[in-house]
Protein backbone atom coordinates (compact mmCIF):
# COMPACT_ATOMS: atom_id res chain seq x y z
CA MET A 1 4.96 -5.47 9.64
CA ARG A 2 8.10 -3.73 10.92
CA ASP A 3 9.64 -4.56 14.27
CA GLY A 4 6.35 -6.10 15.44
CA LYS A 5 4.25 -3.07 14.42
CA LEU A 6 1.73 -2.72 11.64
CA VAL A 7 2.88 0.21 9.53
CA TYR A 8 0.65 2.16 7.14
CA THR A 9 2.13 4.46 4.50
CA PHE A 10 -0.22 6.64 2.46
CA ARG A 11 -0.67 9.96 0.74
CA MET A 12 -3.36 12.44 1.78
CA MET A 13 -4.78 14.53 -1.01
CA LEU A 14 -6.24 17.86 0.17
CA ALA A 15 -9.61 19.01 -1.13
CA GLN A 16 -8.07 22.47 -1.80
CA PRO A 17 -4.41 23.53 -2.16
CA VAL A 18 -2.85 25.15 0.88
CA ASP A 19 -0.39 28.04 0.62
CA THR A 20 1.95 27.14 3.45
CA THR A 21 3.81 30.46 3.03
CA ARG A 22 0.66 32.14 4.39
CA THR A 23 -0.96 29.46 6.56
CA PRO A 24 0.99 26.54 8.10
CA LEU A 25 -0.58 23.15 7.51
CA GLU A 26 -1.10 21.13 10.70
CA LEU A 27 -1.49 17.33 10.60
CA GLY A 28 -2.32 14.99 13.43
CA VAL A 29 -3.32 11.37 13.91
CA TRP A 30 -5.28 10.31 16.99
CA ASP A 31 -8.19 8.22 18.22
CA ASP A 32 -10.23 10.16 20.78
CA GLU A 33 -11.25 6.92 22.50
CA PHE A 34 -7.71 5.45 22.41
CA PHE A 35 -9.20 2.23 21.02
CA VAL A 36 -6.27 2.00 18.61
CA ASP A 37 -2.93 3.58 19.38
CA PHE A 38 -2.02 5.57 16.28
CA GLU A 39 1.48 7.02 16.23
CA MET A 40 3.02 9.41 13.75
CA LYS A 41 6.57 8.63 12.80
CA LYS A 42 8.85 11.50 13.79
CA ASP A 43 10.10 12.05 10.26
CA GLY A 44 7.06 10.61 8.53
CA VAL A 45 5.54 13.79 6.96
CA LYS A 46 7.11 14.56 3.57
CA PRO A 47 5.33 17.20 1.47
CA VAL A 48 5.45 16.08 -2.18
CA ALA A 49 5.17 19.42 -3.99
CA ALA A 50 6.92 21.58 -1.42
CA SER A 51 9.90 23.85 -2.10
CA ALA A 52 13.25 23.35 -0.40
CA ALA A 53 12.34 26.24 1.95
CA CYS A 54 9.61 24.17 3.57
CA ARG A 55 10.18 22.66 6.97
CA VAL A 56 8.21 20.16 9.04
CA PHE A 57 8.07 20.71 12.80
CA TYR A 58 6.85 18.03 15.24
CA THR A 59 5.25 18.93 18.54
CA PRO A 60 3.01 17.19 21.06
CA ASP A 61 -0.66 17.99 20.22
CA ALA A 62 -1.97 18.92 23.67
CA ASP A 63 -5.29 20.05 22.12
CA HIS A 64 -6.06 16.43 21.22
CA ALA A 65 -4.69 14.57 24.26
CA VAL A 66 -5.92 10.99 24.51
CA TYR A 67 -6.12 8.38 27.21
CA TYR A 68 -8.00 10.61 29.66
CA GLY A 69 -5.88 13.58 28.77
CA THR A 70 -2.61 11.91 29.87
CA TYR A 71 -0.89 11.55 26.50
CA ALA A 72 -0.45 14.19 23.78
CA PRO A 73 0.15 12.54 20.38
CA MET A 74 2.66 14.03 17.96
CA ALA A 75 1.42 16.52 15.36
CA ALA A 76 3.30 17.87 12.33
CA THR A 77 3.24 21.44 11.06
CA VAL A 78 4.41 22.23 7.51
CA ALA A 79 5.57 25.81 7.03
CA CYS A 80 7.48 27.48 4.18
């Protein structure tokens, strides 16, 4: 618990490696039914094996808006 919120920290292992110099990797966390309010921390995505040239960009994910389309959760894009 941090500041009254339950915080999960985890690593996601991909089934196949992704070459982010050719294809950016997009990550999002949402619940289509808004039963649980998941929220991605603004600086929470940290690629483990990425070069110093890699950057993480955060943008609202309008394609996966929740709560009857009124809220666009944050998504992260990793590009090198």
